[in-house]
Amino acid sequence: NIYAVEALHRAGLHPARPCNELSATEWGALHRELQAVLDEAIRAKGSTLSDRTYRTAESVEGGFQDRHLVYAKAGRTCACGGEIARIVQAQRATFFCPGCQR
């Protein structure tokens, strides 16, 4: 969920938007951002959140949480100046910026 939220934000796509409404250009952007987010997260050894339950096989905390743009940042200001929002989808928290994710 972390990586999906971050990729959608980078691609400028609203998380509640039906996927069958995306254009080919938007699908391409989402694909690129998914790859980029996953690559960065792997290089950073994943995301260790405030509960500190995730660690690598070497018992090291991940570092990608320091690069989250919207995940778990509801109420904070986005780089665009908008306020990051939180919604629930399929019993999971989803974070996005209404200003840059229309």
N, C-alpha and C. Protein backbone atom coordinates (compact mmCIF):
# COMPACT_ATOMS: atom_id res chain seq x y z
N ASN A 1 0.82 -1.19 0.00
CA ASN A 1 0.00 0.00 0.00
C ASN A 1 0.86 1.26 0.00
N ILE A 2 1.94 1.24 0.74
CA ILE A 2 2.85 2.38 0.79
C ILE A 2 3.31 2.74 -0.62
N TYR A 3 3.77 1.76 -1.35
CA TYR A 3 4.38 2.00 -2.65
C TYR A 3 3.34 2.37 -3.70
N ALA A 4 2.15 1.82 -3.60
CA ALA A 4 1.07 2.20 -4.51
C ALA A 4 0.68 3.66 -4.29
N VAL A 5 0.55 4.06 -3.03
CA VAL A 5 0.19 5.44 -2.68
C VAL A 5 1.25 6.41 -3.21
N GLU A 6 2.50 6.08 -3.01
CA GLU A 6 3.59 6.96 -3.45
C GLU A 6 3.65 7.03 -4.97
N ALA A 7 3.47 5.91 -5.66
CA ALA A 7 3.51 5.90 -7.13
C ALA A 7 2.34 6.70 -7.72
N LEU A 8 1.15 6.53 -7.16
CA LEU A 8 0.00 7.29 -7.63
C LEU A 8 0.23 8.79 -7.46
N HIS A 9 0.82 9.16 -6.34
CA HIS A 9 1.10 10.58 -6.11
C HIS A 9 2.08 11.10 -7.15
N ARG A 10 3.15 10.39 -7.36
CA ARG A 10 4.16 10.83 -8.33
C ARG A 10 3.59 10.92 -9.74
N ALA A 11 2.66 10.04 -10.06
CA ALA A 11 2.03 10.04 -11.38
C ALA A 11 0.89 11.06 -11.49
N GLY A 12 0.52 11.66 -10.36
CA GLY A 12 -0.54 12.66 -10.35
C GLY A 12 -1.94 12.08 -10.52
N LEU A 13 -2.12 10.85 -10.06
CA LEU A 13 -3.40 10.16 -10.23
C LEU A 13 -4.13 10.02 -8.90
N HIS A 14 -5.42 10.33 -8.89
CA HIS A 14 -6.23 10.21 -7.69
C HIS A 14 -6.44 8.72 -7.40
N PRO A 15 -6.28 8.28 -6.15
CA PRO A 15 -6.40 6.86 -5.83
C PRO A 15 -7.80 6.27 -5.98
N ALA A 16 -8.83 7.10 -6.03
CA ALA A 16 -10.19 6.59 -6.18
C ALA A 16 -10.64 6.56 -7.64
N ARG A 17 -9.78 6.95 -8.51
CA ARG A 17 -10.14 6.98 -9.93
C ARG A 17 -10.18 5.57 -10.50
N PRO A 18 -11.26 5.20 -11.17
CA PRO A 18 -11.33 3.85 -11.76
C PRO A 18 -10.24 3.65 -12.81
N CYS A 19 -9.60 2.51 -12.76
CA CYS A 19 -8.48 2.27 -13.67
C CYS A 19 -8.91 2.22 -15.13
N ASN A 20 -10.17 1.88 -15.39
CA ASN A 20 -10.62 1.84 -16.79
C ASN A 20 -10.82 3.23 -17.38
N GLU A 21 -10.63 4.26 -16.57
CA GLU A 21 -10.73 5.64 -17.07
C GLU A 21 -9.37 6.24 -17.38
N LEU A 22 -8.29 5.52 -17.09
CA LEU A 22 -6.95 6.06 -17.34
C LEU A 22 -6.62 6.01 -18.83
N SER A 23 -5.97 7.05 -19.30
CA SER A 23 -5.52 7.09 -20.69
C SER A 23 -4.23 6.28 -20.82
N ALA A 24 -3.83 6.02 -22.03
CA ALA A 24 -2.56 5.31 -22.27
C ALA A 24 -1.39 6.10 -21.68
N THR A 25 -1.44 7.39 -21.79
CA THR A 25 -0.39 8.24 -21.23
C THR A 25 -0.33 8.11 -19.71
N GLU A 26 -1.50 8.11 -19.07
CA GLU A 26 -1.55 7.96 -17.61
C GLU A 26 -1.07 6.58 -17.18
N TRP A 27 -1.46 5.54 -17.92
CA TRP A 27 -0.95 4.19 -17.60
C TRP A 27 0.57 4.16 -17.70
N GLY A 28 1.10 4.81 -18.74
CA GLY A 28 2.55 4.85 -18.90
C GLY A 28 3.23 5.56 -17.73
N ALA A 29 2.64 6.68 -17.31
CA ALA A 29 3.20 7.42 -16.16
C ALA A 29 3.15 6.58 -14.89
N LEU A 30 2.02 5.90 -14.67
CA LEU A 30 1.90 5.07 -13.47
C LEU A 30 2.91 3.93 -13.51
N HIS A 31 3.07 3.31 -14.66
CA HIS A 31 4.04 2.21 -14.80
C HIS A 31 5.46 2.70 -14.47
N ARG A 32 5.84 3.84 -15.04
CA ARG A 32 7.17 4.40 -14.77
C ARG A 32 7.35 4.70 -13.28
N GLU A 33 6.33 5.31 -12.67
CA GLU A 33 6.46 5.68 -11.25
C GLU A 33 6.45 4.47 -10.33
N LEU A 34 5.68 3.44 -10.67
CA LEU A 34 5.73 2.20 -9.88
C LEU A 34 7.13 1.61 -9.91
N GLN A 35 7.71 1.55 -11.10
CA GLN A 35 9.07 1.02 -11.21
C GLN A 35 10.06 1.86 -10.42
N ALA A 36 9.95 3.18 -10.54
CA ALA A 36 10.87 4.07 -9.84
C ALA A 36 10.73 3.96 -8.32
N VAL A 37 9.49 3.94 -7.83
CA VAL A 37 9.26 3.84 -6.38
C VAL A 37 9.79 2.51 -5.85
N LEU A 38 9.48 1.43 -6.54
CA LEU A 38 9.96 0.12 -6.09
C LEU A 38 11.47 0.04 -6.13
N ASP A 39 12.08 0.58 -7.17
CA ASP A 39 13.55 0.58 -7.25
C ASP A 39 14.16 1.37 -6.09
N GLU A 40 13.63 2.56 -5.84
CA GLU A 40 14.13 3.38 -4.73
C GLU A 40 13.92 2.69 -3.38
N ALA A 41 12.75 2.08 -3.20
CA ALA A 41 12.45 1.40 -1.93
C ALA A 41 13.38 0.22 -1.71
N ILE A 42 13.65 -0.52 -2.77
CA ILE A 42 14.58 -1.66 -2.64
C ILE A 42 15.97 -1.16 -2.28
N ARG A 43 16.43 -0.12 -2.96
CA ARG A 43 17.76 0.43 -2.64
C ARG A 43 17.82 0.96 -1.21
N ALA A 44 16.69 1.47 -0.72
CA ALA A 44 16.64 2.02 0.66
C ALA A 44 16.30 0.94 1.69
N LYS A 45 16.18 -0.29 1.24
CA LYS A 45 15.90 -1.44 2.11
C LYS A 45 14.51 -1.40 2.74
N GLY A 46 13.52 -0.84 1.99
CA GLY A 46 12.14 -0.86 2.45
C GLY A 46 11.79 0.30 3.36
N SER A 47 10.61 0.20 3.96
CA SER A 47 10.08 1.25 4.83
C SER A 47 9.84 0.70 6.23
N THR A 48 10.50 1.27 7.21
CA THR A 48 10.23 0.94 8.61
C THR A 48 9.36 2.06 9.17
N LEU A 49 8.16 1.72 9.54
CA LEU A 49 7.20 2.71 10.02
C LEU A 49 7.34 2.92 11.53
N SER A 50 6.48 3.72 12.10
CA SER A 50 6.59 4.08 13.52
C SER A 50 6.48 2.88 14.46
N ASP A 51 5.82 1.80 14.01
CA ASP A 51 5.73 0.61 14.87
C ASP A 51 7.04 -0.18 14.91
N ARG A 52 7.96 0.17 14.04
CA ARG A 52 9.31 -0.43 13.98
C ARG A 52 9.30 -1.96 13.80
N THR A 53 8.24 -2.52 13.24
CA THR A 53 8.16 -3.97 13.09
C THR A 53 8.95 -4.49 11.88
N TYR A 54 9.15 -3.66 10.86
CA TYR A 54 9.89 -4.13 9.69
C TYR A 54 11.38 -3.90 9.85
N ARG A 55 12.14 -4.95 9.59
CA ARG A 55 13.60 -4.89 9.54
C ARG A 55 14.06 -5.81 8.42
N THR A 56 15.24 -5.55 7.92
CA THR A 56 15.79 -6.41 6.87
C THR A 56 16.25 -7.73 7.49
N ALA A 57 16.71 -8.64 6.66
CA ALA A 57 17.23 -9.92 7.14
C ALA A 57 18.45 -9.70 8.05
N GLU A 58 19.12 -8.57 7.86
CA GLU A 58 20.28 -8.23 8.70
C GLU A 58 19.87 -7.46 9.94
N SER A 59 18.56 -7.38 10.21
CA SER A 59 17.99 -6.67 11.35
C SER A 59 18.25 -5.16 11.31
N VAL A 60 18.26 -4.61 10.11
CA VAL A 60 18.45 -3.18 9.90
C VAL A 60 17.11 -2.57 9.49
N GLU A 61 16.80 -1.40 10.01
CA GLU A 61 15.59 -0.70 9.60
C GLU A 61 15.74 -0.21 8.17
N GLY A 62 14.63 -0.18 7.45
CA GLY A 62 14.63 0.38 6.11
C GLY A 62 14.77 1.89 6.17
N GLY A 63 14.98 2.51 5.00
CA GLY A 63 15.16 3.94 4.96
C GLY A 63 14.21 4.67 4.03
N PHE A 64 13.35 3.93 3.32
CA PHE A 64 12.48 4.60 2.34
C PHE A 64 11.42 5.46 3.01
N GLN A 65 11.09 5.21 4.26
CA GLN A 65 10.09 6.03 4.95
C GLN A 65 10.51 7.49 5.00
N ASP A 66 11.80 7.75 4.92
CA ASP A 66 12.28 9.13 4.92
C ASP A 66 12.02 9.82 3.58
N ARG A 67 11.62 9.06 2.57
CA ARG A 67 11.36 9.60 1.24
C ARG A 67 9.87 9.63 0.90
N HIS A 68 9.03 9.18 1.82
CA HIS A 68 7.58 9.20 1.56
C HIS A 68 7.13 10.64 1.33
N LEU A 69 6.37 10.84 0.26
CA LEU A 69 5.83 12.17 -0.03
C LEU A 69 4.45 12.36 0.56
N VAL A 70 3.63 11.29 0.58
CA VAL A 70 2.27 11.41 1.10
C VAL A 70 1.88 10.34 2.11
N TYR A 71 2.51 9.19 2.07
CA TYR A 71 2.09 8.09 2.94
C TYR A 71 2.19 8.49 4.41
N ALA A 72 1.08 8.33 5.13
CA ALA A 72 0.98 8.63 6.57
C ALA A 72 1.24 10.10 6.90
N LYS A 73 0.96 10.99 5.94
CA LYS A 73 1.21 12.41 6.16
C LYS A 73 -0.07 13.25 6.08
N ALA A 74 -1.20 12.65 6.43
CA ALA A 74 -2.47 13.37 6.39
C ALA A 74 -2.39 14.64 7.23
N GLY A 75 -2.90 15.73 6.66
CA GLY A 75 -2.88 17.00 7.36
C GLY A 75 -1.64 17.83 7.12
N ARG A 76 -0.60 17.21 6.59
CA ARG A 76 0.62 17.97 6.30
C ARG A 76 0.50 18.62 4.92
N THR A 77 1.40 19.54 4.66
CA THR A 77 1.37 20.26 3.39
C THR A 77 2.20 19.52 2.35
N CYS A 78 1.60 19.34 1.18
CA CYS A 78 2.26 18.74 0.03
C CYS A 78 3.20 19.78 -0.59
N ALA A 79 4.13 19.33 -1.41
CA ALA A 79 5.04 20.24 -2.11
C ALA A 79 4.29 21.25 -2.98
N CYS A 80 3.08 20.89 -3.44
CA CYS A 80 2.28 21.79 -4.28
C CYS A 80 1.55 22.85 -3.44
N GLY A 81 1.57 22.69 -2.13
CA GLY A 81 0.88 23.63 -1.24
C GLY A 81 -0.46 23.12 -0.73
N GLY A 82 -0.94 22.01 -1.33
CA GLY A 82 -2.20 21.41 -0.88
C GLY A 82 -2.03 20.63 0.41
N GLU A 83 -3.14 20.28 1.02
CA GLU A 83 -3.10 19.50 2.25
C GLU A 83 -3.31 18.02 1.94
N ILE A 84 -2.43 17.18 2.42
CA ILE A 84 -2.52 15.74 2.18
C ILE A 84 -3.72 15.19 2.95
N ALA A 85 -4.50 14.37 2.25
CA ALA A 85 -5.73 13.80 2.81
C ALA A 85 -5.58 12.30 3.01
N ARG A 86 -6.48 11.75 3.84
CA ARG A 86 -6.51 10.31 4.11
C ARG A 86 -7.93 9.81 3.83
N ILE A 87 -8.02 8.73 3.07
CA ILE A 87 -9.29 8.04 2.86
C ILE A 87 -9.06 6.56 3.14
N VAL A 88 -10.14 5.81 3.27
CA VAL A 88 -10.02 4.36 3.48
C VAL A 88 -10.57 3.67 2.24
N GLN A 89 -9.78 2.75 1.70
CA GLN A 89 -10.17 1.95 0.55
C GLN A 89 -9.89 0.50 0.88
N ALA A 90 -10.90 -0.34 0.80
CA ALA A 90 -10.75 -1.77 1.10
C ALA A 90 -10.08 -1.97 2.47
N GLN A 91 -10.56 -1.25 3.46
CA GLN A 91 -10.07 -1.30 4.84
C GLN A 91 -8.59 -0.92 4.98
N ARG A 92 -8.06 -0.18 4.01
CA ARG A 92 -6.67 0.28 4.07
C ARG A 92 -6.63 1.79 3.98
N ALA A 93 -5.75 2.40 4.74
CA ALA A 93 -5.58 3.86 4.65
C ALA A 93 -4.87 4.21 3.35
N THR A 94 -5.40 5.22 2.69
CA THR A 94 -4.80 5.71 1.45
C THR A 94 -4.59 7.21 1.62
N PHE A 95 -3.42 7.68 1.25
CA PHE A 95 -3.07 9.09 1.40
C PHE A 95 -2.85 9.68 0.03
N PHE A 96 -3.28 10.95 -0.14
CA PHE A 96 -3.11 11.60 -1.43
C PHE A 96 -3.24 13.10 -1.25
N CYS A 97 -2.84 13.84 -2.28
CA CYS A 97 -2.98 15.28 -2.27
C CYS A 97 -4.04 15.67 -3.29
N PRO A 98 -5.18 16.21 -2.84
CA PRO A 98 -6.22 16.62 -3.78
C PRO A 98 -5.75 17.70 -4.76
N GLY A 99 -4.72 18.43 -4.39
CA GLY A 99 -4.21 19.48 -5.28
C GLY A 99 -3.47 18.94 -6.50
N CYS A 100 -2.68 17.90 -6.32
CA CYS A 100 -1.92 17.38 -7.47
C CYS A 100 -2.39 16.04 -7.96
N GLN A 101 -3.37 15.44 -7.29
CA GLN A 101 -3.91 14.15 -7.73
C GLN A 101 -5.39 14.31 -8.01
N ARG A 102 -5.73 14.74 -9.17
CA ARG A 102 -7.13 15.00 -9.52
C ARG A 102 -7.78 13.79 -10.13
